[in-house]
């Protein structure tokens, strides 16, 4: 109860301008990502990588990474290479997810998907290129004032979040579950704890690692990020039903068309919203210990469930 009271005191909108905070950090991330991939020979692959990486988006994951580093006493400069890497990995997953062999989508962030512009072959390679660059970027661009063992831990955590124990594993179970009406809540949670929440968790925790967070700090960041990761997916499921293609920037109603079991299909829309709200409240309570320093991460958690696109 004390943690909740602390959160309520530190989350008053008048005391923190979230819109300005997100805009500033989004611009910083966009600039860093733009500089990370110059166009050289063979131009096609770099243009394809840049097409999806710089196509917009809220930059939630890199902003979370920067915020987590700051709450633990680090700086944005320390965490920016890791923040960029997280967005490269996320963009790779979107490029591959949109392919005909996966979700077969024509639009992403209001633009034609990568394979619709460059072809499936180049789209696959663009995703591969972004994935490889992500790890190279952390290894070579993290500032020298960050101890090497922290950088190594970030690389290991990102690898796990991406692989069969994370995003890839979640995607496999998601594909295997399509068209099946008997998918349990446990299976649905497995899919999204791995496919969606794992990379969100890595974004937050790696920001803490870069700053030298203690094991107890890492535990708090882990619980916070796992909760907002699941809340993020619940809201995505709701928006797939309630939002238009213009609002989403991608095809609406995909889950129903693919006969996917979703949180709203199990709980209904109102209960799903209530579950997401509860997850965010628990996430924010995890950070109440940090007082004013926690406000950005707490505000982002609320932004996640209040978005309409």
C-alpha atoms as a PDB file:
ATOM      1  CA  UNK A   1       0.000   0.000   0.000  1.00  0.00           C
ATOM      2  CA  UNK A   2       2.856   2.350   0.778  1.00  0.00           C
ATOM      3  CA  UNK A   3       4.373   1.746  -2.661  1.00  0.00           C
ATOM      4  CA  UNK A   4       1.078   2.596  -4.367  1.00  0.00           C
ATOM      5  CA  UNK A   5       0.729   5.794  -2.326  1.00  0.00           C
ATOM      6  CA  UNK A   6       4.267   6.809  -3.288  1.00  0.00           C
ATOM      7  CA  UNK A   7       3.494   6.182  -6.926  1.00  0.00           C
ATOM      8  CA  UNK A   8       0.356   8.299  -6.807  1.00  0.00           C
ATOM      9  CA  UNK A   9       2.308  11.179  -5.335  1.00  0.00           C
ATOM     10  CA  UNK A  10       5.024  11.036  -8.002  1.00  0.00           C
ATOM     11  CA  UNK A  11       2.770  10.589 -11.035  1.00  0.00           C
ATOM     12  CA  UNK A  12       0.826  13.858 -11.040  1.00  0.00           C
ATOM     13  CA  UNK A  13       0.760  15.116 -14.670  1.00  0.00           C
ATOM     14  CA  UNK A  14       1.537  18.708 -13.620  1.00  0.00           C
ATOM     15  CA  UNK A  15       4.919  17.655 -12.295  1.00  0.00           C
ATOM     16  CA  UNK A  16       6.169  15.848 -15.390  1.00  0.00           C
ATOM     17  CA  UNK A  17       5.666  16.730 -19.046  1.00  0.00           C
ATOM     18  CA  UNK A  18       5.680  13.279 -20.641  1.00  0.00           C
ATOM     19  CA  UNK A  19       4.958  14.541 -24.159  1.00  0.00           C
ATOM     20  CA  UNK A  20       8.004  16.834 -24.105  1.00  0.00           C
ATOM     21  CA  UNK A  21      10.150  14.120 -22.529  1.00  0.00           C
ATOM     22  CA  UNK A  22       9.193  11.553 -25.190  1.00  0.00           C
ATOM     23  CA  UNK A  23       9.614  14.031 -28.045  1.00  0.00           C
ATOM     24  CA  UNK A  24      13.097  15.067 -26.920  1.00  0.00           C
ATOM     25  CA  UNK A  25      14.317  11.519 -26.461  1.00  0.00           C
ATOM     26  CA  UNK A  26      12.684  10.286 -29.632  1.00  0.00           C
ATOM     27  CA  UNK A  27      14.592  12.943 -31.574  1.00  0.00           C
ATOM     28  CA  UNK A  28      17.852  11.955 -29.875  1.00  0.00           C
ATOM     29  CA  UNK A  29      17.270   8.303 -30.740  1.00  0.00           C
ATOM     30  CA  UNK A  30      16.279   9.137 -34.324  1.00  0.00           C
ATOM     31  CA  UNK A  31      19.478  11.150 -34.808  1.00  0.00           C
ATOM     32  CA  UNK A  32      21.645   8.373 -33.360  1.00  0.00           C
ATOM     33  CA  UNK A  33      19.965   5.711 -35.516  1.00  0.00           C
ATOM     34  CA  UNK A  34      20.301   7.842 -38.649  1.00  0.00           C
ATOM     35  CA  UNK A  35      24.026   8.263 -38.012  1.00  0.00           C
ATOM     36  CA  UNK A  36      24.468   4.563 -37.255  1.00  0.00           C
ATOM     37  CA  UNK A  37      23.778   3.411 -40.828  1.00  0.00           C
ATOM     38  CA  UNK A  38      25.324   5.481 -43.621  1.00  0.00           C
ATOM     39  CA  UNK A  39      24.536   4.385 -47.173  1.00  0.00           C
ATOM     40  CA  UNK A  40      27.573   2.761 -48.818  1.00  0.00           C
ATOM     41  CA  UNK A  41      28.059   0.022 -51.411  1.00  0.00           C
ATOM     42  CA  UNK A  42      26.005  -2.133 -51.899  1.00  0.00           C
ATOM     43  CA  UNK A  43      23.522   0.691 -51.477  1.00  0.00           C
ATOM     44  CA  UNK A  44      20.376  -1.453 -51.732  1.00  0.00           C
ATOM     45  CA  UNK A  45      20.894  -3.271 -48.454  1.00  0.00           C
ATOM     46  CA  UNK A  46      21.711  -0.131 -46.472  1.00  0.00           C
ATOM     47  CA  UNK A  47      18.730   1.695 -47.994  1.00  0.00           C
ATOM     48  CA  UNK A  48      16.479  -1.228 -47.072  1.00  0.00           C
ATOM     49  CA  UNK A  49      17.800  -1.297 -43.498  1.00  0.00           C
ATOM     50  CA  UNK A  50      17.318   2.450 -43.167  1.00  0.00           C
ATOM     51  CA  UNK A  51      13.842   2.313 -44.737  1.00  0.00           C
ATOM     52  CA  UNK A  52      12.435   0.307 -41.841  1.00  0.00           C
ATOM     53  CA  UNK A  53      14.699   1.576 -39.056  1.00  0.00           C
ATOM     54  CA  UNK A  54      13.891   5.224 -39.797  1.00  0.00           C
ATOM     55  CA  UNK A  55      10.222   4.731 -40.685  1.00  0.00           C
ATOM     56  CA  UNK A  56       9.031   6.405 -37.498  1.00  0.00           C
ATOM     57  CA  UNK A  57       7.643   4.687 -34.452  1.00  0.00           C
ATOM     58  CA  UNK A  58       7.459   5.787 -30.838  1.00  0.00           C
ATOM     59  CA  UNK A  59      10.969   4.509 -29.929  1.00  0.00           C
ATOM     60  CA  UNK A  60       9.493   3.145 -26.693  1.00  0.00           C
ATOM     61  CA  UNK A  61      12.199   0.508 -26.220  1.00  0.00           C
ATOM     62  CA  UNK A  62      15.249   2.766 -26.636  1.00  0.00           C
ATOM     63  CA  UNK A  63      13.627   5.469 -24.513  1.00  0.00           C
ATOM     64  CA  UNK A  64      12.995   2.900 -21.778  1.00  0.00           C
ATOM     65  CA  UNK A  65      16.649   1.855 -22.000  1.00  0.00           C
ATOM     66  CA  UNK A  66      17.855   5.438 -21.586  1.00  0.00           C
ATOM     67  CA  UNK A  67      15.426   6.111 -18.721  1.00  0.00           C
ATOM     68  CA  UNK A  68      16.479   2.960 -16.852  1.00  0.00           C
ATOM     69  CA  UNK A  69      20.130   3.940 -17.158  1.00  0.00           C
ATOM     70  CA  UNK A  70      19.377   7.408 -15.795  1.00  0.00           C
ATOM     71  CA  UNK A  71      17.303   6.157 -12.844  1.00  0.00           C
ATOM     72  CA  UNK A  72      20.342   4.074 -11.810  1.00  0.00           C
ATOM     73  CA  UNK A  73      22.696   7.041 -11.984  1.00  0.00           C
ATOM     74  CA  UNK A  74      24.026   6.583 -15.510  1.00  0.00           C
ATOM     75  CA  UNK A  75      23.861   8.939 -18.491  1.00  0.00           C
ATOM     76  CA  UNK A  76      22.137   8.817 -21.863  1.00  0.00           C
ATOM     77  CA  UNK A  77      25.536   8.761 -23.594  1.00  0.00           C
ATOM     78  CA  UNK A  78      26.433   5.562 -21.761  1.00  0.00           C
ATOM     79  CA  UNK A  79      23.246   3.810 -22.839  1.00  0.00           C
ATOM     80  CA  UNK A  80      22.638   5.210 -26.335  1.00  0.00           C
ATOM     81  CA  UNK A  81      24.491   2.426 -28.226  1.00  0.00           C
ATOM     82  CA  UNK A  82      22.437  -0.185 -26.361  1.00  0.00           C
ATOM     83  CA  UNK A  83      19.250   1.819 -26.965  1.00  0.00           C
ATOM     84  CA  UNK A  84      20.027   1.891 -30.698  1.00  0.00           C
ATOM     85  CA  UNK A  85      20.768  -1.839 -30.674  1.00  0.00           C
ATOM     86  CA  UNK A  86      17.414  -2.598 -29.071  1.00  0.00           C
ATOM     87  CA  UNK A  87      15.625  -0.635 -31.803  1.00  0.00           C
ATOM     88  CA  UNK A  88      17.642  -2.401 -34.511  1.00  0.00           C
ATOM     89  CA  UNK A  89      16.618  -5.781 -33.092  1.00  0.00           C
ATOM     90  CA  UNK A  90      12.992  -4.665 -32.792  1.00  0.00           C
ATOM     91  CA  UNK A  91      12.996  -3.410 -36.389  1.00  0.00           C
ATOM     92  CA  UNK A  92      14.478  -6.701 -37.585  1.00  0.00           C
ATOM     93  CA  UNK A  93      11.630  -8.552 -35.875  1.00  0.00           C
ATOM     94  CA  UNK A  94       9.059  -6.313 -37.589  1.00  0.00           C
ATOM     95  CA  UNK A  95      10.608  -6.795 -41.049  1.00  0.00           C
ATOM     96  CA  UNK A  96      10.623 -10.570 -40.640  1.00  0.00           C
ATOM     97  CA  UNK A  97       7.211 -10.642 -38.928  1.00  0.00           C
ATOM     98  CA  UNK A  98       5.633  -8.882 -41.933  1.00  0.00           C
ATOM     99  CA  UNK A  99       6.943 -11.429 -44.453  1.00  0.00           C
ATOM    100  CA  UNK A 100       4.460 -13.691 -46.302  1.00  0.00           C
ATOM    101  CA  UNK A 101       5.826 -16.728 -44.437  1.00  0.00           C
ATOM    102  CA  UNK A 102       4.914 -15.066 -41.108  1.00  0.00           C
ATOM    103  CA  UNK A 103       2.101 -12.494 -40.725  1.00  0.00           C
ATOM    104  CA  UNK A 104       2.028 -11.493 -44.412  1.00  0.00           C
ATOM    105  CA  UNK A 105       1.347  -7.788 -43.887  1.00  0.00           C
ATOM    106  CA  UNK A 106       1.499  -5.021 -46.488  1.00  0.00           C
ATOM    107  CA  UNK A 107       1.737  -2.000 -44.173  1.00  0.00           C
ATOM    108  CA  UNK A 108       3.819  -1.029 -41.163  1.00  0.00           C
ATOM    109  CA  UNK A 109       3.830   2.408 -39.508  1.00  0.00           C
ATOM    110  CA  UNK A 110       1.621   3.696 -42.312  1.00  0.00           C
ATOM    111  CA  UNK A 111       4.095   2.725 -45.052  1.00  0.00           C
ATOM    112  CA  UNK A 112       4.496  -0.288 -47.318  1.00  0.00           C
ATOM    113  CA  UNK A 113       6.360  -3.089 -45.541  1.00  0.00           C
ATOM    114  CA  UNK A 114       9.998  -3.685 -46.398  1.00  0.00           C
ATOM    115  CA  UNK A 115       9.399  -6.732 -48.610  1.00  0.00           C
ATOM    116  CA  UNK A 116       6.752  -4.840 -50.596  1.00  0.00           C
ATOM    117  CA  UNK A 117       9.347  -2.200 -51.483  1.00  0.00           C
ATOM    118  CA  UNK A 118      12.573  -4.204 -51.755  1.00  0.00           C
ATOM    119  CA  UNK A 119      11.380  -7.784 -52.273  1.00  0.00           C
ATOM    120  CA  UNK A 120      11.397 -10.690 -49.845  1.00  0.00           C
ATOM    121  CA  UNK A 121      15.044 -11.561 -50.447  1.00  0.00           C
ATOM    122  CA  UNK A 122      16.386  -8.092 -49.585  1.00  0.00           C
ATOM    123  CA  UNK A 123      13.931  -7.750 -46.666  1.00  0.00           C
ATOM    124  CA  UNK A 124      15.265 -10.949 -45.085  1.00  0.00           C
ATOM    125  CA  UNK A 125      18.825  -9.743 -45.547  1.00  0.00           C
ATOM    126  CA  UNK A 126      17.969  -6.262 -44.198  1.00  0.00           C
ATOM    127  CA  UNK A 127      16.678  -7.895 -41.020  1.00  0.00           C
ATOM    128  CA  UNK A 128      19.830 -10.000 -40.801  1.00  0.00           C
ATOM    129  CA  UNK A 129      21.966  -6.907 -41.340  1.00  0.00           C
ATOM    130  CA  UNK A 130      20.215  -4.979 -38.580  1.00  0.00           C
ATOM    131  CA  UNK A 131      20.565  -7.908 -36.193  1.00  0.00           C
ATOM    132  CA  UNK A 132      24.296  -8.243 -36.789  1.00  0.00           C
ATOM    133  CA  UNK A 133      24.811  -4.484 -36.544  1.00  0.00           C
ATOM    134  CA  UNK A 134      22.991  -4.356 -33.198  1.00  0.00           C
ATOM    135  CA  UNK A 135      25.599  -6.498 -31.468  1.00  0.00           C
ATOM    136  CA  UNK A 136      28.510  -4.848 -33.289  1.00  0.00           C
ATOM    137  CA  UNK A 137      27.159  -1.450 -32.243  1.00  0.00           C
ATOM    138  CA  UNK A 138      27.027  -2.316 -28.531  1.00  0.00           C
ATOM    139  CA  UNK A 139      30.507  -3.829 -28.635  1.00  0.00           C
ATOM    140  CA  UNK A 140      32.194  -0.980 -30.506  1.00  0.00           C
ATOM    141  CA  UNK A 141      30.231   2.157 -29.609  1.00  0.00           C
ATOM    142  CA  UNK A 142      29.609   1.801 -25.864  1.00  0.00           C
ATOM    143  CA  UNK A 143      31.749   4.516 -24.183  1.00  0.00           C
ATOM    144  CA  UNK A 144      35.032   3.528 -22.563  1.00  0.00           C
ATOM    145  CA  UNK A 145      33.805   4.685 -19.151  1.00  0.00           C
ATOM    146  CA  UNK A 146      31.431   1.677 -19.103  1.00  0.00           C
ATOM    147  CA  UNK A 147      33.305  -1.364 -17.712  1.00  0.00           C
ATOM    148  CA  UNK A 148      33.742  -4.127 -20.300  1.00  0.00           C
ATOM    149  CA  UNK A 149      31.939  -6.703 -18.141  1.00  0.00           C
ATOM    150  CA  UNK A 150      28.765  -4.577 -18.235  1.00  0.00           C
ATOM    151  CA  UNK A 151      28.925  -4.366 -22.017  1.00  0.00           C
ATOM    152  CA  UNK A 152      29.407  -8.116 -22.210  1.00  0.00           C
ATOM    153  CA  UNK A 153      26.387  -8.690 -19.973  1.00  0.00           C
ATOM    154  CA  UNK A 154      24.278  -6.444 -22.212  1.00  0.00           C
ATOM    155  CA  UNK A 155      25.310  -8.450 -25.275  1.00  0.00           C
ATOM    156  CA  UNK A 156      24.401 -11.717 -23.510  1.00  0.00           C
ATOM    157  CA  UNK A 157      21.021 -10.384 -22.330  1.00  0.00           C
ATOM    158  CA  UNK A 158      20.135  -9.066 -25.789  1.00  0.00           C
ATOM    159  CA  UNK A 159      21.071 -12.403 -27.355  1.00  0.00           C
ATOM    160  CA  UNK A 160      18.865 -14.312 -24.920  1.00  0.00           C
ATOM    161  CA  UNK A 161      15.939 -11.907 -25.372  1.00  0.00           C
ATOM    162  CA  UNK A 162      16.116 -12.361 -29.122  1.00  0.00           C
ATOM    163  CA  UNK A 163      16.748 -16.112 -29.449  1.00  0.00           C
ATOM    164  CA  UNK A 164      14.795 -19.310 -28.894  1.00  0.00           C
ATOM    165  CA  UNK A 165      14.533 -18.479 -25.181  1.00  0.00           C
ATOM    166  CA  UNK A 166      12.918 -15.146 -26.065  1.00  0.00           C
ATOM    167  CA  UNK A 167      11.435 -13.499 -29.138  1.00  0.00           C
ATOM    168  CA  UNK A 168      12.103 -16.352 -31.574  1.00  0.00           C
ATOM    169  CA  UNK A 169      10.607 -18.931 -29.216  1.00  0.00           C
ATOM    170  CA  UNK A 170       7.507 -16.814 -28.696  1.00  0.00           C
ATOM    171  CA  UNK A 171       7.069 -16.368 -32.441  1.00  0.00           C
ATOM    172  CA  UNK A 172       7.302 -20.135 -33.005  1.00  0.00           C
ATOM    173  CA  UNK A 173       4.549 -20.887 -30.482  1.00  0.00           C
ATOM    174  CA  UNK A 174       2.493 -18.016 -31.932  1.00  0.00           C
ATOM    175  CA  UNK A 175       2.715 -19.513 -35.433  1.00  0.00           C
ATOM    176  CA  UNK A 176       1.917 -22.997 -34.128  1.00  0.00           C
ATOM    177  CA  UNK A 177      -1.154 -21.638 -32.312  1.00  0.00           C
ATOM    178  CA  UNK A 178      -2.792 -19.941 -35.311  1.00  0.00           C
ATOM    179  CA  UNK A 179      -6.218 -21.319 -36.153  1.00  0.00           C
ATOM    180  CA  UNK A 180      -6.484 -23.253 -32.887  1.00  0.00           C
ATOM    181  CA  UNK A 181      -9.396 -22.319 -30.633  1.00  0.00           C
ATOM    182  CA  UNK A 182      -8.215 -24.277 -27.587  1.00  0.00           C
ATOM    183  CA  UNK A 183      -5.142 -22.164 -26.761  1.00  0.00           C
ATOM    184  CA  UNK A 184      -4.890 -21.760 -22.986  1.00  0.00           C
ATOM    185  CA  UNK A 185      -4.100 -18.597 -21.063  1.00  0.00           C
ATOM    186  CA  UNK A 186      -0.773 -20.177 -20.055  1.00  0.00           C
ATOM    187  CA  UNK A 187       0.182 -20.647 -23.714  1.00  0.00           C
ATOM    188  CA  UNK A 188      -0.933 -17.123 -24.595  1.00  0.00           C
ATOM    189  CA  UNK A 189       1.142 -15.746 -21.720  1.00  0.00           C
ATOM    190  CA  UNK A 190       4.143 -17.785 -22.898  1.00  0.00           C
ATOM    191  CA  UNK A 191       3.819 -16.368 -26.411  1.00  0.00           C
ATOM    192  CA  UNK A 192       3.718 -12.750 -25.307  1.00  0.00           C
ATOM    193  CA  UNK A 193       6.133 -13.005 -22.396  1.00  0.00           C
ATOM    194  CA  UNK A 194       8.635 -14.155 -25.007  1.00  0.00           C
ATOM    195  CA  UNK A 195       7.560 -12.486 -28.252  1.00  0.00           C
ATOM    196  CA  UNK A 196       6.793  -9.026 -26.829  1.00  0.00           C
ATOM    197  CA  UNK A 197       7.853  -8.692 -23.196  1.00  0.00           C
ATOM    198  CA  UNK A 198      11.333 -10.251 -23.519  1.00  0.00           C
ATOM    199  CA  UNK A 199      12.756  -7.431 -25.632  1.00  0.00           C
ATOM    200  CA  UNK A 200      11.003  -4.771 -23.546  1.00  0.00           C
ATOM    201  CA  UNK A 201      12.517  -6.374 -20.461  1.00  0.00           C
ATOM    202  CA  UNK A 202      15.961  -6.426 -22.050  1.00  0.00           C
ATOM    203  CA  UNK A 203      15.597  -2.754 -23.013  1.00  0.00           C
ATOM    204  CA  UNK A 204      14.951  -1.732 -19.426  1.00  0.00           C
ATOM    205  CA  UNK A 205      17.303  -4.128 -17.652  1.00  0.00           C
ATOM    206  CA  UNK A 206      20.217  -3.481 -20.020  1.00  0.00           C
ATOM    207  CA  UNK A 207      19.876   0.242 -19.330  1.00  0.00           C
ATOM    208  CA  UNK A 208      20.274  -0.569 -15.643  1.00  0.00           C
ATOM    209  CA  UNK A 209      23.204  -2.904 -16.280  1.00  0.00           C
ATOM    210  CA  UNK A 210      25.079  -0.198 -18.215  1.00  0.00           C
ATOM    211  CA  UNK A 211      24.744   2.117 -15.211  1.00  0.00           C
ATOM    212  CA  UNK A 212      25.980  -0.530 -12.752  1.00  0.00           C
ATOM    213  CA  UNK A 213      22.646  -1.398 -11.115  1.00  0.00           C
ATOM    214  CA  UNK A 214      22.785  -3.738  -8.109  1.00  0.00           C
ATOM    215  CA  UNK A 215      21.082  -7.185  -8.134  1.00  0.00           C
ATOM    216  CA  UNK A 216      18.138  -5.766  -6.151  1.00  0.00           C
ATOM    217  CA  UNK A 217      17.848  -2.874  -8.627  1.00  0.00           C
ATOM    218  CA  UNK A 218      17.893  -5.347 -11.526  1.00  0.00           C
ATOM    219  CA  UNK A 219      15.122  -7.332  -9.838  1.00  0.00           C
ATOM    220  CA  UNK A 220      12.927  -4.233  -9.561  1.00  0.00           C
ATOM    221  CA  UNK A 221      13.597  -3.265 -13.182  1.00  0.00           C
ATOM    222  CA  UNK A 222      12.818  -6.832 -14.266  1.00  0.00           C
ATOM    223  CA  UNK A 223       9.448  -6.916 -12.503  1.00  0.00           C
ATOM    224  CA  UNK A 224       8.580  -3.450 -13.835  1.00  0.00           C
ATOM    225  CA  UNK A 225       9.446  -4.361 -17.409  1.00  0.00           C
ATOM    226  CA  UNK A 226       7.744  -7.758 -17.392  1.00  0.00           C
ATOM    227  CA  UNK A 227       4.518  -6.120 -16.230  1.00  0.00           C
ATOM    228  CA  UNK A 228       4.573  -3.320 -18.787  1.00  0.00           C
ATOM    229  CA  UNK A 229       5.559  -5.789 -21.514  1.00  0.00           C
ATOM    230  CA  UNK A 230       2.435  -7.854 -20.940  1.00  0.00           C
ATOM    231  CA  UNK A 231       0.297  -4.716 -20.581  1.00  0.00           C
ATOM    232  CA  UNK A 232       1.714  -3.474 -23.898  1.00  0.00           C
ATOM    233  CA  UNK A 233       0.592  -6.672 -25.639  1.00  0.00           C
ATOM    234  CA  UNK A 234      -2.888  -6.618 -24.079  1.00  0.00           C
ATOM    235  CA  UNK A 235      -3.408  -3.075 -25.389  1.00  0.00           C
ATOM    236  CA  UNK A 236      -2.070  -4.146 -28.814  1.00  0.00           C
ATOM    237  CA  UNK A 237      -4.670  -6.933 -28.876  1.00  0.00           C
ATOM    238  CA  UNK A 238      -7.425  -4.464 -27.980  1.00  0.00           C
ATOM    239  CA  UNK A 239      -6.299  -1.946 -30.607  1.00  0.00           C
ATOM    240  CA  UNK A 240      -6.285  -4.664 -33.280  1.00  0.00           C
ATOM    241  CA  UNK A 241     -10.040  -4.894 -32.671  1.00  0.00           C
ATOM    242  CA  UNK A 242     -10.967  -1.278 -31.949  1.00  0.00           C
ATOM    243  CA  UNK A 243      -8.576   0.890 -34.007  1.00  0.00           C
ATOM    244  CA  UNK A 244      -8.568   1.668 -37.724  1.00  0.00           C
ATOM    245  CA  UNK A 245      -5.736   0.958 -40.138  1.00  0.00           C
ATOM    246  CA  UNK A 246      -4.972   4.702 -40.196  1.00  0.00           C
ATOM    247  CA  UNK A 247      -4.607   4.773 -36.403  1.00  0.00           C
ATOM    248  CA  UNK A 248      -2.509   1.611 -36.277  1.00  0.00           C
ATOM    249  CA  UNK A 249      -0.345   2.316 -39.309  1.00  0.00           C
ATOM    250  CA  UNK A 250      -0.758  -1.374 -40.189  1.00  0.00           C
ATOM    251  CA  UNK A 251      -3.565  -3.721 -41.137  1.00  0.00           C
ATOM    252  CA  UNK A 252      -6.340  -3.775 -38.543  1.00  0.00           C
ATOM    253  CA  UNK A 253      -8.190  -6.948 -37.563  1.00  0.00           C
ATOM    254  CA  UNK A 254      -5.234  -9.220 -38.317  1.00  0.00           C
ATOM    255  CA  UNK A 255      -5.684 -11.386 -35.230  1.00  0.00           C
ATOM    256  CA  UNK A 256      -9.296 -12.229 -36.021  1.00  0.00           C
ATOM    257  CA  UNK A 257      -8.450 -12.951 -39.647  1.00  0.00           C
ATOM    258  CA  UNK A 258      -5.574 -15.239 -38.616  1.00  0.00           C
ATOM    259  CA  UNK A 259      -7.853 -16.909 -36.052  1.00  0.00           C
ATOM    260  CA  UNK A 260      -5.486 -16.060 -33.212  1.00  0.00           C
ATOM    261  CA  UNK A 261      -6.460 -16.404 -29.581  1.00  0.00           C
ATOM    262  CA  UNK A 262      -5.944 -13.012 -27.913  1.00  0.00           C
ATOM    263  CA  UNK A 263      -6.518 -11.538 -24.474  1.00  0.00           C
ATOM    264  CA  UNK A 264      -9.796  -9.889 -25.525  1.00  0.00           C
ATOM    265  CA  UNK A 265     -10.977 -13.192 -27.015  1.00  0.00           C
ATOM    266  CA  UNK A 266     -10.414 -14.847 -23.621  1.00  0.00           C
ATOM    267  CA  UNK A 267     -11.415 -12.015 -21.281  1.00  0.00           C
ATOM    268  CA  UNK A 268     -13.370  -9.495 -23.329  1.00  0.00           C
ATOM    269  CA  UNK A 269     -12.250  -5.917 -23.962  1.00  0.00           C
ATOM    270  CA  UNK A 270     -13.208  -4.370 -20.609  1.00  0.00           C
ATOM    271  CA  UNK A 271     -11.588  -7.060 -18.483  1.00  0.00           C
ATOM    272  CA  UNK A 272      -8.506  -6.909 -20.717  1.00  0.00           C
ATOM    273  CA  UNK A 273      -8.246  -3.156 -20.088  1.00  0.00           C
ATOM    274  CA  UNK A 274      -8.607  -3.756 -16.347  1.00  0.00           C
ATOM    275  CA  UNK A 275      -5.846  -6.401 -16.410  1.00  0.00           C
ATOM    276  CA  UNK A 276      -3.514  -4.034 -18.308  1.00  0.00           C
ATOM    277  CA  UNK A 277      -4.234  -1.253 -15.801  1.00  0.00           C
ATOM    278  CA  UNK A 278      -3.473  -3.591 -12.897  1.00  0.00           C
ATOM    279  CA  UNK A 279      -0.180  -4.657 -14.485  1.00  0.00           C
ATOM    280  CA  UNK A 280       0.880  -1.026 -14.923  1.00  0.00           C
ATOM    281  CA  UNK A 281      -0.007  -0.177 -11.319  1.00  0.00           C
ATOM    282  CA  UNK A 282       2.102  -3.116 -10.121  1.00  0.00           C
ATOM    283  CA  UNK A 283       4.950  -2.045 -12.411  1.00  0.00           C
ATOM    284  CA  UNK A 284       4.915   1.486 -11.027  1.00  0.00           C
ATOM    285  CA  UNK A 285       4.783   0.241  -7.447  1.00  0.00           C
ATOM    286  CA  UNK A 286       8.027  -1.675  -8.100  1.00  0.00           C
ATOM    287  CA  UNK A 287       9.782   1.653  -8.701  1.00  0.00           C
ATOM    288  CA  UNK A 288       8.243   3.652  -5.844  1.00  0.00           C
ATOM    289  CA  UNK A 289      11.466   3.058  -3.883  1.00  0.00           C
ATOM    290  CA  UNK A 290      13.304   5.466  -6.223  1.00  0.00           C
ATOM    291  CA  UNK A 291      10.967   8.412  -5.608  1.00  0.00           C
ATOM    292  CA  UNK A 292      11.202  11.310  -8.068  1.00  0.00           C
ATOM    293  CA  UNK A 293      13.799   9.529 -10.211  1.00  0.00           C
ATOM    294  CA  UNK A 294      11.183   6.911 -11.115  1.00  0.00           C
ATOM    295  CA  UNK A 295       8.665   9.379 -12.577  1.00  0.00           C
ATOM    296  CA  UNK A 296       9.704   9.003 -16.260  1.00  0.00           C
ATOM    297  CA  UNK A 297       9.472   5.200 -16.180  1.00  0.00           C
ATOM    298  CA  UNK A 298       6.179   5.354 -14.296  1.00  0.00           C
ATOM    299  CA  UNK A 299       4.738   7.873 -16.755  1.00  0.00           C
ATOM    300  CA  UNK A 300       5.825   5.740 -19.730  1.00  0.00           C
ATOM    301  CA  UNK A 301       4.039   2.767 -18.174  1.00  0.00           C
ATOM    302  CA  UNK A 302       0.791   4.750 -18.107  1.00  0.00           C
ATOM    303  CA  UNK A 303       1.408   6.011 -21.639  1.00  0.00           C
ATOM    304  CA  UNK A 304       1.571   2.400 -22.829  1.00  0.00           C
ATOM    305  CA  UNK A 305      -1.970   1.593 -21.702  1.00  0.00           C
ATOM    306  CA  UNK A 306      -3.486   4.939 -22.672  1.00  0.00           C
ATOM    307  CA  UNK A 307      -2.269   4.979 -26.287  1.00  0.00           C
ATOM    308  CA  UNK A 308      -4.715   4.652 -29.178  1.00  0.00           C
ATOM    309  CA  UNK A 309      -2.289   3.546 -31.869  1.00  0.00           C
END
